[in-house]
Amino acid sequence: MKDFANDVEAMRWNGTFYKTILSTAETGGAMSIVDSLSPVNSGPPRHIHHAEDEVLMILTGRCLFWMEGEEFIRGPGEVAFIPRGKEHTFRVISDVPCRHLIILTPGGFEGFFADMAQGQFAIPADMPAVVESASRHNLTFTGPPLE
């Protein structure tokens, strides 16, 4: 498994590592790809991406996804497609961390990860800062993480 802890280009926020491997600048805004490693039992609050379609390609581990009231599981070699405008979240349900590629079209949302890593903002303690960055990146939080 990739050693994110020793990768100087990897960002860490809330126990999750993020590394942009194809930037919005490199694609003229068309897309971006972020390599991510999420700890066991982790996952974001429910949210909506208003401007980007999101594909999560699972490399290791398994995730339970929730999208607009429907649940589904994805594991290594499988993908989850989240169309823009759909409320969603996920939680790592395996006993190993989940490494996945986050493919965004168009690109730009990866700037949210950079903001969070730079500020090391906590949810819910630092929600004003989190929400401010989210609004700049066309993201709205809509509810709690999966339990």
Protein backbone atom coordinates (compact mmCIF):
# COMPACT_ATOMS: atom_id res chain seq x y z
CA MET A 1 0.00 0.00 0.00
CA LYS A 2 1.19 3.52 -0.76
CA ASP A 3 3.07 5.19 2.08
CA PHE A 4 1.25 8.53 2.30
CA ALA A 5 2.84 9.36 5.67
CA ASN A 6 6.25 9.81 4.00
CA ASP A 7 4.97 11.50 0.83
CA VAL A 8 5.86 15.20 1.06
CA GLU A 9 3.20 16.08 -1.54
CA ALA A 10 0.37 14.40 0.39
CA MET A 11 -1.95 16.54 2.50
CA ARG A 12 -3.52 15.25 5.71
CA TRP A 13 -6.84 16.35 7.15
CA ASN A 14 -8.91 14.63 9.82
CA GLY A 15 -6.86 11.43 9.50
CA THR A 16 -7.31 11.20 5.72
CA PHE A 17 -4.49 11.70 3.23
CA TYR A 18 -5.04 13.48 -0.10
CA LYS A 19 -2.65 13.85 -3.00
CA THR A 20 -3.62 15.56 -6.24
CA ILE A 21 -2.21 13.44 -9.05
CA LEU A 22 -3.85 15.31 -11.96
CA SER A 23 -4.62 18.96 -11.31
CA THR A 24 -7.25 21.23 -12.75
CA ALA A 25 -4.44 23.39 -14.14
CA GLU A 26 -3.00 20.40 -16.03
CA THR A 27 -6.36 19.67 -17.70
CA GLY A 28 -7.45 23.21 -18.48
CA GLY A 29 -10.21 22.82 -15.90
CA ALA A 30 -11.70 19.69 -17.45
CA MET A 31 -11.02 17.36 -14.53
CA SER A 32 -8.84 16.51 -11.57
CA ILE A 33 -7.83 13.27 -9.85
CA VAL A 34 -6.99 12.98 -6.16
CA ASP A 35 -5.44 9.88 -4.58
CA SER A 36 -6.91 9.46 -1.09
CA LEU A 37 -6.47 7.17 1.90
CA SER A 38 -9.31 7.20 4.46
CA PRO A 39 -9.08 5.49 7.87
CA VAL A 40 -11.39 2.68 8.98
CA ASN A 41 -14.85 3.97 10.04
CA SER A 42 -14.22 7.42 8.54
CA GLY A 43 -16.33 9.36 6.09
CA PRO A 44 -17.52 12.88 5.37
CA PRO A 45 -20.80 14.49 6.43
CA ARG A 46 -23.61 14.28 3.89
CA HIS A 47 -23.06 16.84 1.18
CA ILE A 48 -23.80 17.97 -2.37
CA HIS A 49 -21.33 18.95 -5.10
CA HIS A 50 -23.16 21.55 -7.17
CA ALA A 51 -20.68 21.83 -10.05
CA GLU A 52 -18.82 18.49 -10.29
CA ASP A 53 -19.60 14.89 -11.08
CA GLU A 54 -17.57 12.62 -8.79
CA VAL A 55 -16.26 9.12 -9.42
CA LEU A 56 -14.62 7.18 -6.60
CA MET A 57 -12.48 4.26 -7.81
CA ILE A 58 -11.85 1.94 -4.85
CA LEU A 59 -8.33 0.51 -4.71
CA THR A 60 -8.28 -1.00 -1.19
CA GLY A 61 -10.87 -1.48 1.51
CA ARG A 62 -14.64 -1.27 1.22
CA CYS A 63 -17.03 1.64 1.52
CA LEU A 64 -20.70 1.91 2.26
CA PHE A 65 -22.12 4.70 0.11
CA TRP A 66 -25.34 6.60 0.74
CA MET A 67 -26.84 8.63 -2.11
CA GLU A 68 -30.25 10.26 -1.80
CA GLY A 69 -31.56 7.55 0.54
CA GLU A 70 -30.09 4.55 -1.30
CA GLU A 71 -27.15 2.54 0.07
CA PHE A 72 -24.60 0.50 -1.86
CA ILE A 73 -21.16 -1.01 -1.16
CA ARG A 74 -18.06 -0.78 -3.31
CA GLY A 75 -14.74 -2.60 -2.91
CA PRO A 76 -11.44 -2.96 -4.77
CA GLY A 77 -11.78 -2.52 -8.52
CA GLU A 78 -15.28 -1.04 -8.26
CA VAL A 79 -16.47 2.52 -8.78
CA ALA A 80 -19.15 4.78 -7.35
CA PHE A 81 -20.52 7.48 -9.64
CA ILE A 82 -22.02 10.49 -7.86
CA PRO A 83 -23.66 12.94 -10.28
CA ARG A 84 -23.49 16.63 -9.42
CA GLY A 85 -26.43 17.82 -7.37
CA LYS A 86 -26.97 14.47 -5.58
CA GLU A 87 -26.79 14.38 -1.78
CA HIS A 88 -24.30 11.69 -0.73
CA THR A 89 -21.68 10.41 1.69
CA PHE A 90 -19.70 7.26 2.43
CA ARG A 91 -18.09 5.40 5.32
CA VAL A 92 -15.14 3.00 5.28
CA ILE A 93 -16.57 -0.32 6.49
CA SER A 94 -13.58 -2.63 6.02
CA ASP A 95 -11.01 -3.46 8.66
CA VAL A 96 -8.34 -1.77 6.51
CA PRO A 97 -8.17 1.84 5.30
CA CYS A 98 -9.80 2.67 1.98
CA ARG A 99 -7.52 3.97 -0.73
CA HIS A 100 -9.46 5.45 -3.59
CA LEU A 101 -9.09 7.79 -6.52
CA ILE A 102 -11.45 10.76 -6.56
CA ILE A 103 -12.10 11.81 -10.16
CA LEU A 104 -13.84 15.17 -10.51
CA THR A 105 -15.32 16.62 -13.69
CA PRO A 106 -14.85 19.47 -14.10
CA GLY A 107 -11.90 19.94 -11.79
CA GLY A 108 -11.53 22.48 -9.01
CA PHE A 109 -13.07 20.91 -5.93
CA GLU A 110 -9.68 19.50 -4.88
CA GLY A 111 -8.95 23.01 -3.58
CA PHE A 112 -11.33 22.26 -0.69
CA PHE A 113 -9.03 19.44 0.48
CA ALA A 114 -6.06 21.81 0.31
CA ASP A 115 -7.93 24.43 2.38
CA MET A 116 -8.88 21.86 5.02
CA ALA A 117 -5.36 20.42 5.24
CA GLN A 118 -3.79 23.86 5.49
CA GLY A 119 -6.18 25.05 8.22
CA GLN A 120 -6.55 21.66 9.96
CA PHE A 121 -10.19 22.55 10.57
CA ALA A 122 -12.28 20.26 12.76
CA ILE A 123 -15.92 19.33 12.20
CA PRO A 124 -18.07 20.57 13.92
CA ALA A 125 -15.82 22.94 15.94
CA ASP A 126 -14.59 24.95 12.94
CA MET A 127 -17.72 24.79 10.80
CA PRO A 128 -17.72 28.50 9.85
CA ALA A 129 -14.30 28.08 8.17
CA VAL A 130 -15.29 24.72 6.65
CA VAL A 131 -18.54 26.15 5.26
CA GLU A 132 -16.74 29.21 3.87
CA SER A 133 -14.31 27.03 1.91
CA ALA A 134 -17.10 24.68 0.87
CA SER A 135 -19.11 27.56 -0.59
CA ARG A 136 -16.10 28.67 -2.65
CA HIS A 137 -15.84 25.10 -3.98
CA ASN A 138 -19.55 24.64 -4.84
CA LEU A 139 -20.21 22.31 -1.91
CA THR A 140 -23.06 22.30 0.60
CA PHE A 141 -23.14 20.17 3.75
CA THR A 142 -26.58 18.66 4.32
CA GLY A 143 -26.32 16.27 7.27
CA PRO A 144 -24.20 14.07 9.51
CA PRO A 145 -21.78 11.33 8.46
CA LEU A 146 -23.03 7.73 8.30
CA GLU A 147 -22.96 5.91 11.62
